[in-house]
Every structure is written in structure tokens, then in C-alpha cells.
Amino acid sequence: METNNRTTILNADDMRKKIERISYEILEENYDEGEIILAGIRKNGFVFAKRLEEQIKKIGGHSVILTDIQLQKHHPNQSEILMGIDPSSINNKVVIVCDDVANTGQTLLYAMKPFLDFAPKKIQVAVLVDRRHKQYPVIADFVGLSLSTNMQEHITVEIGMGIEEAVYLS
């Protein structure tokens, strides 16, 4: 469906199904872990992480710690990176960095930076949409939708309370 020069590529139901599938993949990949840390990049990445947390708890069996990562998405190298969790608490735990869209990989790379000073068991990446325009060596482990787009196209993810949720291409 096309509206306002935007094409809907995922509607709310599609997004829900993608999040459910990613949740199962996370659990399958980490079945032997007692606790998983979901670290969502503010703002949409955190909402995405919260949806994953809800779904993982619904499926059952794993303890989930939800935290946020705050940085400037367009200039992550020029901003302080803040987290809602003590980074030392990630020692020997699985950390999954979550974001709505993976474009060049820069934001995801910088979001992982605070964890590298400690000893996580592993760091994985979950994204709702992967654009395949990587300029940094970050590959998403869990992907809702993978798109080959050109650099002039833009992906908009609308996710959160009180809005019509969807993913658009413009």
C-alpha cells in the first residue's frame, strides 16, 4: 500500500509476526542460557527490545533483563554512550543489542562499545529491518526483514504506544 509517497512494507500484524519469530530464534540460539540481556537502542530500538522481552517471557523459561542504550544515532562517535544497566553486570551473559533498522552498521557498532570493556559470554544483534548497506563489520544475527534498497531510499519504523505501527519505504 502506498501513502504520502511511502510504501508500507510491514503492517502492524506483520511486525508482530516478525517479532514473534525473532523471539523464537533468540531462544533457540540461546536455549542453554538462564538469562538474556536485551539492550535496545533508544528510542525505537528500545521499544523493539521491549516487544522481544514480552514475547520471550510469553514463550517461557528464560529470565530477561531489559535495558536501553542512549547515543546520538546520526553521530554516535560524537556522543557519550549511556546505558540503563551497570555494564559489569553483563559478565558471562548473553547480550543482544536491538535496533529497529540496521543501515550502515555504525550505530550498532558504537552501541556495542560499552560492553567490550567487560566480559559478555557473547554479543548478538537483533533488528527489525536490515538494509544491507554495511560500512561497518556488523551483521545482524536476528532479522525480521532484509531489504536491498538504494541509498536514496529511506526506511521509517513507527512503533510504540498510541500510533499506527508500520514500516515504510520512501
Protein backbone atom coordinates (compact mmCIF):
# COMPACT_ATOMS: atom_id res chain seq x y z
CA MET A 1 0.00 0.00 0.00
CA GLU A 2 1.33 3.45 -0.88
CA THR A 3 0.50 6.62 1.09
CA ASN A 4 2.16 10.04 1.02
CA ASN A 5 4.98 8.78 -1.23
CA ARG A 6 5.58 5.99 1.29
CA THR A 7 5.10 2.31 0.62
CA THR A 8 4.07 0.12 3.53
CA ILE A 9 6.41 -2.84 3.68
CA LEU A 10 5.25 -4.19 7.06
CA ASN A 11 1.94 -3.53 8.76
CA ALA A 12 1.31 -3.94 12.50
CA ASP A 13 0.37 -7.62 12.15
CA ASP A 14 3.47 -8.31 10.01
CA MET A 15 5.63 -6.62 12.65
CA ARG A 16 4.06 -8.70 15.42
CA LYS A 17 4.77 -11.90 13.48
CA LYS A 18 8.38 -10.88 12.79
CA ILE A 19 8.95 -10.10 16.48
CA GLU A 20 7.44 -13.43 17.48
CA ARG A 21 9.68 -15.30 15.02
CA ILE A 22 12.80 -13.42 16.16
CA SER A 23 11.92 -14.26 19.78
CA TYR A 24 11.82 -17.97 18.96
CA GLU A 25 15.13 -17.67 17.10
CA ILE A 26 16.74 -15.94 20.09
CA LEU A 27 15.53 -18.71 22.40
CA GLU A 28 16.66 -21.45 20.01
CA GLU A 29 20.10 -19.88 19.69
CA ASN A 30 20.39 -19.38 23.47
CA TYR A 31 18.42 -22.35 24.80
CA ASP A 32 21.01 -23.20 27.45
CA GLU A 33 21.20 -19.67 28.90
CA GLY A 34 19.37 -18.89 32.12
CA GLU A 35 19.39 -15.14 31.49
CA ILE A 36 19.45 -12.96 28.38
CA ILE A 37 20.11 -9.22 28.30
CA LEU A 38 18.19 -7.25 25.67
CA ALA A 39 19.78 -3.83 25.12
CA GLY A 40 17.60 -1.60 22.94
CA ILE A 41 18.97 1.49 21.25
CA ARG A 42 16.77 4.43 22.14
CA LYS A 43 14.01 5.06 21.06
CA ASN A 44 12.59 2.58 18.53
CA GLY A 45 15.25 0.01 19.28
CA PHE A 46 14.20 0.00 22.92
CA VAL A 47 10.52 -0.45 22.01
CA PHE A 48 11.56 -3.33 19.73
CA ALA A 49 13.61 -4.86 22.59
CA LYS A 50 10.63 -4.50 24.95
CA ARG A 51 8.41 -6.36 22.46
CA LEU A 52 11.02 -9.10 22.23
CA GLU A 53 11.17 -9.28 26.03
CA GLU A 54 7.38 -9.62 26.27
CA GLN A 55 7.34 -12.37 23.65
CA ILE A 56 10.29 -14.27 25.17
CA LYS A 57 8.62 -14.22 28.59
CA LYS A 58 5.37 -15.38 26.99
CA ILE A 59 7.15 -18.31 25.34
CA GLY A 60 8.72 -19.01 28.72
CA GLY A 61 11.70 -20.32 30.54
CA HIS A 62 14.25 -17.53 30.35
CA SER A 63 14.95 -14.60 32.59
CA VAL A 64 15.28 -11.40 30.56
CA ILE A 65 16.95 -8.18 31.61
CA LEU A 66 15.82 -5.20 29.53
CA THR A 67 17.97 -2.11 29.28
CA ASP A 68 18.39 0.84 26.97
CA ILE A 69 21.38 2.32 25.20
CA GLN A 70 21.38 6.06 24.61
CA LEU A 71 23.52 7.62 21.91
CA GLN A 72 23.15 10.03 19.01
CA LYS A 73 22.15 7.80 16.11
CA HIS A 74 23.47 10.14 13.42
CA HIS A 75 26.76 10.91 15.21
CA PRO A 76 27.41 8.06 17.66
CA ASN A 77 31.15 8.74 17.66
CA GLN A 78 30.50 12.27 18.98
CA SER A 79 28.22 11.36 21.87
CA GLU A 80 28.50 9.79 25.26
CA ILE A 81 27.00 6.32 25.32
CA LEU A 82 24.74 5.76 28.31
CA MET A 83 23.14 2.52 29.45
CA GLY A 84 20.40 1.76 31.94
CA ILE A 85 22.40 -1.16 33.37
CA ASP A 86 25.73 -1.47 35.12
CA PRO A 87 27.94 -2.83 32.31
CA SER A 88 29.83 -5.03 34.76
CA SER A 89 26.60 -6.99 35.33
CA ILE A 90 26.92 -8.40 31.81
CA ASN A 91 29.95 -10.53 32.64
CA ASN A 92 29.47 -14.06 31.26
CA LYS A 93 25.96 -13.27 29.97
CA VAL A 94 24.43 -13.14 26.51
CA VAL A 95 23.78 -9.57 25.35
CA ILE A 96 21.51 -8.90 22.39
CA VAL A 97 21.75 -5.35 21.04
CA CYS A 98 18.41 -4.42 19.44
CA ASP A 99 17.54 -1.71 16.93
CA ASP A 100 14.71 -1.03 14.52
CA VAL A 101 16.80 -0.62 11.34
CA ALA A 102 20.36 -1.67 10.52
CA ASN A 103 21.69 0.56 7.79
CA THR A 104 25.46 1.13 7.69
CA GLY A 105 26.14 -0.65 10.98
CA GLN A 106 27.68 2.44 12.60
CA THR A 107 25.06 2.91 15.32
CA LEU A 108 25.10 -0.78 16.21
CA LEU A 109 28.88 -0.83 16.35
CA TYR A 110 29.03 2.11 18.76
CA ALA A 111 26.16 0.69 20.83
CA MET A 112 28.31 -2.40 21.48
CA LYS A 113 31.30 -0.35 22.60
CA PRO A 114 30.47 -0.14 26.36
CA PHE A 115 30.10 -3.93 26.55
CA LEU A 116 33.59 -4.51 25.20
CA ASP A 117 35.19 -3.28 28.43
CA PHE A 118 33.65 -6.25 30.23
CA ALA A 119 33.33 -9.96 29.52
CA PRO A 120 29.99 -10.88 27.99
CA LYS A 121 29.58 -14.51 27.02
CA LYS A 122 28.54 -13.31 23.56
CA ILE A 123 27.05 -10.26 21.88
CA GLN A 124 24.38 -10.71 19.24
CA VAL A 125 22.35 -8.25 17.19
CA ALA A 126 18.60 -8.23 16.52
CA VAL A 127 16.99 -5.82 14.05
CA LEU A 128 13.51 -5.50 12.67
CA VAL A 129 14.79 -4.37 9.24
CA ASP A 130 18.27 -4.95 7.77
CA ARG A 131 19.10 -2.68 4.81
CA ARG A 132 22.34 -4.35 3.71
CA HIS A 133 24.32 -1.09 3.31
CA LYS A 134 27.08 -2.08 5.70
CA GLN A 135 30.08 0.20 6.03
CA TYR A 136 30.99 -1.31 9.39
CA PRO A 137 31.51 -5.02 10.17
CA VAL A 138 28.20 -5.57 11.96
CA ILE A 139 25.99 -8.40 10.83
CA ALA A 140 22.60 -8.93 12.45
CA ASP A 141 22.08 -12.37 13.97
CA PHE A 142 18.29 -12.00 14.09
CA VAL A 143 16.48 -10.14 11.29
CA GLY A 144 12.78 -9.54 10.76
CA LEU A 145 13.07 -8.36 7.14
CA SER A 146 16.12 -7.98 4.93
CA LEU A 147 15.90 -5.39 2.14
CA SER A 148 18.17 -4.44 -0.70
CA THR A 149 17.50 -0.74 -1.18
CA ASN A 150 19.43 2.11 -2.70
CA MET A 151 20.99 4.81 -0.55
CA GLN A 152 18.39 7.39 -1.57
CA GLU A 153 15.55 5.29 -0.15
CA HIS A 154 14.59 5.69 3.48
CA ILE A 155 13.10 3.19 5.93
CA THR A 156 10.78 4.54 8.63
CA VAL A 157 9.71 2.34 11.51
CA GLU A 158 6.73 3.53 13.50
CA ILE A 159 6.48 1.51 16.67
CA GLY A 160 5.16 2.40 20.11
CA MET A 161 2.07 3.18 22.10
CA GLY A 162 -0.72 5.24 20.57
CA ILE A 163 0.41 5.16 16.94
CA GLU A 164 -0.43 3.06 13.93
CA GLU A 165 2.53 0.73 13.75
CA ALA A 166 4.13 0.02 10.41
CA VAL A 167 7.38 0.03 8.46
CA TYR A 168 7.54 2.31 5.43
CA LEU A 169 9.86 2.71 2.46
CA SER A 170 10.11 6.19 0.93
